[in-house]
Amino acid sequence: MAFDNYLEERMTRVLESKKVDFEAKKMMGGLCYMVDDKMCFGIVKDQMMARIDPEIYQESLKIDGCNEMNFTGRAMNGYVFLDGQVIDKEDDLEHWIELCLDFNPRAKSSKKKKK
C-alpha cells in the first residue's frame, strides 16, 4: 500500500525545522514517525494519522475532516485520521504535529516484543 510522499516530505521538514529527533518507519501499510521510541504520527494512504491527547480527542472529532482511527471496528481513543483539507496549509499541518509532539512525553510506549 502506497502513502503520500509529498505529505512525508512536508512532515519531515516540520520535524527537522523543530530539530526533533525522530525515526520514520514503514508500518501498517503506511509510514509512522517515532519520537522517543513512541508512535507520534504518521501517514496512511493520503491521510495523516495523529496521536493526540485523549483530553482533546472528542473536541477534535468535531472538526470537519478529523475522524476517529478505526482499524479493528473499534475507535482508538487519542488517535485520529486527518483528511487533506485539515492539513493542506503548512500552518495547519504544523499545528497538528505540535499537538502530537506535546502529547508524546505522556504517551505510553508500546510493549517491546521479546526476541
N, C-alpha and C. Protein backbone atom coordinates (compact mmCIF):
# COMPACT_ATOMS: atom_id res chain seq x y z
N MET A 1 0.85 -1.17 0.00
CA MET A 1 0.00 0.00 0.00
C MET A 1 0.89 1.24 0.00
N ALA A 2 0.62 2.13 -0.90
CA ALA A 2 1.42 3.34 -1.02
C ALA A 2 0.90 4.43 -0.08
N PHE A 3 1.79 5.35 0.26
CA PHE A 3 1.39 6.52 1.06
C PHE A 3 1.86 7.77 0.35
N ASP A 4 1.33 8.90 0.76
CA ASP A 4 1.57 10.20 0.13
C ASP A 4 3.00 10.68 0.39
N ASN A 5 3.85 10.62 -0.63
CA ASN A 5 5.25 11.02 -0.48
C ASN A 5 5.41 12.52 -0.26
N TYR A 6 4.53 13.31 -0.83
CA TYR A 6 4.60 14.76 -0.62
C TYR A 6 4.29 15.10 0.83
N LEU A 7 3.31 14.42 1.41
CA LEU A 7 2.99 14.63 2.82
C LEU A 7 4.17 14.20 3.69
N GLU A 8 4.83 13.12 3.31
CA GLU A 8 6.04 12.68 4.02
C GLU A 8 7.10 13.78 4.01
N GLU A 9 7.34 14.39 2.86
CA GLU A 9 8.33 15.47 2.76
C GLU A 9 7.96 16.64 3.66
N ARG A 10 6.67 17.00 3.66
CA ARG A 10 6.21 18.13 4.48
C ARG A 10 6.38 17.84 5.96
N MET A 11 6.01 16.64 6.38
CA MET A 11 6.13 16.26 7.80
C MET A 11 7.59 16.24 8.24
N THR A 12 8.43 15.69 7.40
CA THR A 12 9.86 15.62 7.72
C THR A 12 10.45 17.02 7.85
N ARG A 13 10.06 17.92 6.96
CA ARG A 13 10.55 19.31 7.04
C ARG A 13 10.15 19.97 8.37
N VAL A 14 8.90 19.74 8.80
CA VAL A 14 8.44 20.33 10.07
C VAL A 14 9.29 19.81 11.22
N LEU A 15 9.50 18.51 11.27
CA LEU A 15 10.30 17.93 12.37
C LEU A 15 11.74 18.43 12.33
N GLU A 16 12.31 18.48 11.14
CA GLU A 16 13.69 18.96 11.02
C GLU A 16 13.80 20.43 11.42
N SER A 17 12.81 21.24 11.07
CA SER A 17 12.86 22.66 11.43
C SER A 17 12.74 22.84 12.95
N LYS A 18 12.08 21.92 13.62
CA LYS A 18 11.94 21.96 15.08
C LYS A 18 13.09 21.24 15.78
N LYS A 19 13.98 20.67 14.97
CA LYS A 19 15.14 19.93 15.49
C LYS A 19 14.72 18.78 16.42
N VAL A 20 13.69 18.05 15.98
CA VAL A 20 13.18 16.90 16.72
C VAL A 20 13.89 15.64 16.23
N ASP A 21 14.39 14.84 17.17
CA ASP A 21 14.95 13.54 16.81
C ASP A 21 13.80 12.59 16.55
N PHE A 22 13.81 11.94 15.40
CA PHE A 22 12.71 11.04 15.04
C PHE A 22 13.24 9.92 14.17
N GLU A 23 12.41 8.91 14.05
CA GLU A 23 12.68 7.81 13.13
C GLU A 23 11.40 7.58 12.34
N ALA A 24 11.50 7.51 11.03
CA ALA A 24 10.35 7.20 10.18
C ALA A 24 10.40 5.72 9.85
N LYS A 25 9.33 4.99 10.21
CA LYS A 25 9.28 3.55 9.98
C LYS A 25 8.07 3.21 9.12
N LYS A 26 8.28 2.33 8.17
CA LYS A 26 7.16 1.83 7.38
C LYS A 26 6.45 0.77 8.22
N MET A 27 5.14 0.98 8.42
CA MET A 27 4.34 0.00 9.15
C MET A 27 2.86 0.22 8.86
N MET A 28 2.09 -0.81 9.05
CA MET A 28 0.64 -0.78 8.83
C MET A 28 0.30 -0.25 7.43
N GLY A 29 1.13 -0.54 6.45
CA GLY A 29 0.87 -0.10 5.09
C GLY A 29 1.12 1.37 4.86
N GLY A 30 1.70 2.04 5.83
CA GLY A 30 1.97 3.46 5.72
C GLY A 30 3.32 3.80 6.31
N LEU A 31 3.43 5.00 6.83
CA LEU A 31 4.67 5.48 7.42
C LEU A 31 4.36 6.03 8.80
N CYS A 32 5.17 5.65 9.76
CA CYS A 32 4.96 6.10 11.14
C CYS A 32 6.19 6.88 11.60
N TYR A 33 5.95 8.03 12.20
CA TYR A 33 7.02 8.83 12.77
C TYR A 33 7.11 8.52 14.25
N MET A 34 8.26 8.01 14.65
CA MET A 34 8.52 7.63 16.03
C MET A 34 9.35 8.74 16.68
N VAL A 35 8.93 9.18 17.85
CA VAL A 35 9.66 10.16 18.65
C VAL A 35 9.83 9.55 20.04
N ASP A 36 11.06 9.48 20.52
CA ASP A 36 11.35 8.83 21.80
C ASP A 36 10.84 7.40 21.81
N ASP A 37 11.01 6.68 20.72
CA ASP A 37 10.58 5.28 20.56
C ASP A 37 9.08 5.08 20.76
N LYS A 38 8.29 6.14 20.51
CA LYS A 38 6.83 6.04 20.62
C LYS A 38 6.20 6.54 19.33
N MET A 39 5.09 5.88 18.93
CA MET A 39 4.36 6.32 17.76
C MET A 39 3.83 7.73 18.04
N CYS A 40 4.17 8.68 17.18
CA CYS A 40 3.77 10.07 17.38
C CYS A 40 2.70 10.47 16.35
N PHE A 41 2.97 10.24 15.08
CA PHE A 41 2.01 10.49 14.00
C PHE A 41 2.49 9.75 12.77
N GLY A 42 1.69 9.76 11.72
CA GLY A 42 2.10 9.04 10.53
C GLY A 42 1.21 9.33 9.34
N ILE A 43 1.40 8.50 8.32
CA ILE A 43 0.65 8.64 7.07
C ILE A 43 0.07 7.28 6.72
N VAL A 44 -1.22 7.26 6.44
CA VAL A 44 -1.89 6.07 5.93
C VAL A 44 -2.59 6.51 4.64
N LYS A 45 -2.13 5.99 3.53
CA LYS A 45 -2.57 6.41 2.19
C LYS A 45 -2.32 7.91 2.04
N ASP A 46 -3.40 8.72 2.01
CA ASP A 46 -3.20 10.17 1.85
C ASP A 46 -3.68 10.94 3.08
N GLN A 47 -3.83 10.22 4.19
CA GLN A 47 -4.29 10.86 5.42
C GLN A 47 -3.18 10.89 6.46
N MET A 48 -3.26 11.90 7.32
CA MET A 48 -2.37 11.95 8.48
C MET A 48 -3.03 11.19 9.62
N MET A 49 -2.27 10.33 10.28
CA MET A 49 -2.71 9.68 11.49
C MET A 49 -2.02 10.45 12.61
N ALA A 50 -2.79 10.94 13.58
CA ALA A 50 -2.23 11.74 14.66
C ALA A 50 -2.56 11.12 16.00
N ARG A 51 -1.56 11.04 16.86
CA ARG A 51 -1.75 10.57 18.24
C ARG A 51 -1.78 11.81 19.12
N ILE A 52 -2.97 12.15 19.59
CA ILE A 52 -3.15 13.38 20.34
C ILE A 52 -3.60 13.07 21.78
N ASP A 53 -3.59 14.08 22.60
CA ASP A 53 -4.02 13.94 23.98
C ASP A 53 -5.48 13.48 24.01
N PRO A 54 -5.78 12.38 24.71
CA PRO A 54 -7.17 11.93 24.81
C PRO A 54 -8.11 13.01 25.39
N GLU A 55 -7.56 13.96 26.11
CA GLU A 55 -8.37 15.05 26.68
C GLU A 55 -8.96 15.95 25.59
N ILE A 56 -8.30 16.04 24.44
CA ILE A 56 -8.81 16.89 23.35
C ILE A 56 -9.38 16.07 22.19
N TYR A 57 -9.43 14.76 22.37
CA TYR A 57 -9.88 13.85 21.31
C TYR A 57 -11.30 14.14 20.86
N GLN A 58 -12.26 14.17 21.78
CA GLN A 58 -13.67 14.38 21.41
C GLN A 58 -13.88 15.73 20.74
N GLU A 59 -13.24 16.76 21.27
CA GLU A 59 -13.36 18.10 20.67
C GLU A 59 -12.77 18.12 19.26
N SER A 60 -11.67 17.42 19.06
CA SER A 60 -11.02 17.37 17.75
C SER A 60 -11.91 16.70 16.72
N LEU A 61 -12.68 15.69 17.13
CA LEU A 61 -13.55 14.98 16.20
C LEU A 61 -14.66 15.87 15.64
N LYS A 62 -14.91 17.01 16.26
CA LYS A 62 -15.92 17.95 15.76
C LYS A 62 -15.43 18.75 14.56
N ILE A 63 -14.12 18.70 14.30
CA ILE A 63 -13.53 19.42 13.17
C ILE A 63 -13.80 18.64 11.89
N ASP A 64 -14.33 19.31 10.89
CA ASP A 64 -14.62 18.67 9.62
C ASP A 64 -13.33 18.13 9.01
N GLY A 65 -13.29 16.83 8.72
CA GLY A 65 -12.10 16.21 8.14
C GLY A 65 -11.24 15.52 9.17
N CYS A 66 -11.63 15.58 10.44
CA CYS A 66 -10.94 14.87 11.52
C CYS A 66 -11.84 13.71 11.92
N ASN A 67 -11.33 12.49 11.80
CA ASN A 67 -12.15 11.29 12.03
C ASN A 67 -11.44 10.33 12.98
N GLU A 68 -12.25 9.51 13.66
CA GLU A 68 -11.65 8.52 14.56
C GLU A 68 -10.85 7.51 13.76
N MET A 69 -9.80 7.03 14.37
CA MET A 69 -8.99 5.98 13.76
C MET A 69 -9.63 4.65 14.16
N ASN A 70 -9.97 3.86 13.17
CA ASN A 70 -10.71 2.65 13.41
C ASN A 70 -10.21 1.57 12.47
N PHE A 71 -9.25 0.77 12.92
CA PHE A 71 -8.72 -0.31 12.09
C PHE A 71 -9.46 -1.62 12.35
N THR A 72 -9.92 -1.79 13.57
CA THR A 72 -10.42 -3.09 14.01
C THR A 72 -11.92 -3.12 14.28
N GLY A 73 -12.63 -2.05 13.94
CA GLY A 73 -14.04 -1.99 14.26
C GLY A 73 -14.29 -1.26 15.57
N ARG A 74 -13.22 -0.84 16.22
CA ARG A 74 -13.32 -0.10 17.47
C ARG A 74 -12.40 1.11 17.39
N ALA A 75 -12.94 2.28 17.72
CA ALA A 75 -12.16 3.52 17.66
C ALA A 75 -11.05 3.47 18.72
N MET A 76 -9.91 4.06 18.37
CA MET A 76 -8.79 4.13 19.31
C MET A 76 -8.74 5.54 19.90
N ASN A 77 -9.06 5.66 21.17
CA ASN A 77 -9.09 6.96 21.84
C ASN A 77 -7.72 7.64 21.75
N GLY A 78 -7.73 8.87 21.28
CA GLY A 78 -6.49 9.63 21.17
C GLY A 78 -5.83 9.55 19.80
N TYR A 79 -6.34 8.69 18.93
CA TYR A 79 -5.81 8.57 17.57
C TYR A 79 -6.86 9.06 16.57
N VAL A 80 -6.45 9.94 15.67
CA VAL A 80 -7.37 10.46 14.66
C VAL A 80 -6.74 10.40 13.28
N PHE A 81 -7.61 10.34 12.28
CA PHE A 81 -7.21 10.49 10.89
C PHE A 81 -7.59 11.90 10.46
N LEU A 82 -6.71 12.55 9.71
CA LEU A 82 -6.95 13.90 9.22
C LEU A 82 -6.93 13.89 7.71
N ASP A 83 -8.05 14.33 7.12
CA ASP A 83 -8.14 14.43 5.66
C ASP A 83 -7.31 15.62 5.17
N GLY A 84 -7.05 15.64 3.88
CA GLY A 84 -6.20 16.66 3.27
C GLY A 84 -6.60 18.10 3.58
N GLN A 85 -7.90 18.39 3.60
CA GLN A 85 -8.31 19.78 3.82
C GLN A 85 -7.93 20.29 5.21
N VAL A 86 -7.75 19.38 6.17
CA VAL A 86 -7.41 19.78 7.54
C VAL A 86 -5.93 20.14 7.65
N ILE A 87 -5.11 19.54 6.80
CA ILE A 87 -3.65 19.74 6.89
C ILE A 87 -3.07 20.31 5.60
N ASP A 88 -3.91 20.87 4.76
CA ASP A 88 -3.47 21.39 3.46
C ASP A 88 -2.48 22.55 3.61
N LYS A 89 -2.75 23.46 4.53
CA LYS A 89 -1.87 24.60 4.75
C LYS A 89 -0.74 24.20 5.71
N GLU A 90 0.43 24.76 5.47
CA GLU A 90 1.59 24.42 6.30
C GLU A 90 1.35 24.71 7.78
N ASP A 91 0.69 25.85 8.08
CA ASP A 91 0.40 26.19 9.47
C ASP A 91 -0.50 25.15 10.12
N ASP A 92 -1.46 24.62 9.36
CA ASP A 92 -2.37 23.61 9.90
C ASP A 92 -1.63 22.30 10.15
N LEU A 93 -0.80 21.89 9.21
CA LEU A 93 -0.01 20.67 9.40
C LEU A 93 0.88 20.82 10.62
N GLU A 94 1.55 21.95 10.74
CA GLU A 94 2.43 22.19 11.88
C GLU A 94 1.64 22.16 13.20
N HIS A 95 0.43 22.70 13.19
CA HIS A 95 -0.41 22.70 14.39
C HIS A 95 -0.68 21.26 14.86
N TRP A 96 -1.08 20.39 13.94
CA TRP A 96 -1.38 19.01 14.32
C TRP A 96 -0.12 18.26 14.75
N ILE A 97 0.99 18.50 14.08
CA ILE A 97 2.24 17.87 14.50
C ILE A 97 2.61 18.35 15.90
N GLU A 98 2.42 19.62 16.18
CA GLU A 98 2.70 20.17 17.51
C GLU A 98 1.83 19.50 18.57
N LEU A 99 0.55 19.27 18.27
CA LEU A 99 -0.33 18.57 19.21
C LEU A 99 0.22 17.17 19.52
N CYS A 100 0.69 16.50 18.48
CA CYS A 100 1.27 15.16 18.67
C CYS A 100 2.55 15.22 19.51
N LEU A 101 3.41 16.17 19.21
CA LEU A 101 4.66 16.32 19.95
C LEU A 101 4.40 16.70 21.41
N ASP A 102 3.39 17.53 21.64
CA ASP A 102 3.05 17.94 23.01
C ASP A 102 2.59 16.75 23.84
N PHE A 103 1.84 15.83 23.22
CA PHE A 103 1.35 14.66 23.95
C PHE A 103 2.41 13.58 24.09
N ASN A 104 3.35 13.51 23.19
CA ASN A 104 4.32 12.42 23.13
C ASN A 104 5.02 12.12 24.47
N PRO A 105 5.46 13.10 25.25
CA PRO A 105 6.13 12.75 26.51
C PRO A 105 5.22 12.00 27.49
N ARG A 106 3.92 12.17 27.38
CA ARG A 106 2.97 11.49 28.27
C ARG A 106 2.42 10.21 27.68
N ALA A 107 2.67 9.97 26.41
CA ALA A 107 2.16 8.77 25.73
C ALA A 107 2.88 7.53 26.25
N LYS A 108 2.15 6.45 26.32
CA LYS A 108 2.75 5.18 26.74
C LYS A 108 3.47 4.55 25.55
N SER A 109 4.60 3.93 25.85
CA SER A 109 5.32 3.17 24.82
C SER A 109 4.61 1.86 24.60
N SER A 110 4.70 1.35 23.38
CA SER A 110 4.15 0.03 23.13
C SER A 110 5.09 -1.00 23.75
N LYS A 111 4.54 -2.14 24.06
CA LYS A 111 5.35 -3.21 24.66
C LYS A 111 6.33 -3.72 23.62
N LYS A 112 7.56 -3.88 24.03
CA LYS A 112 8.60 -4.42 23.14
C LYS A 112 8.41 -5.92 23.02
N LYS A 113 8.53 -6.43 21.79
CA LYS A 113 8.43 -7.86 21.58
C LYS A 113 9.71 -8.53 22.01
N LYS A 114 9.57 -9.66 22.72
CA LYS A 114 10.76 -10.42 23.14
C LYS A 114 11.29 -11.18 21.94
N LYS A 115 12.60 -11.21 21.84
CA LYS A 115 13.22 -11.92 20.72
C LYS A 115 13.62 -13.32 21.13
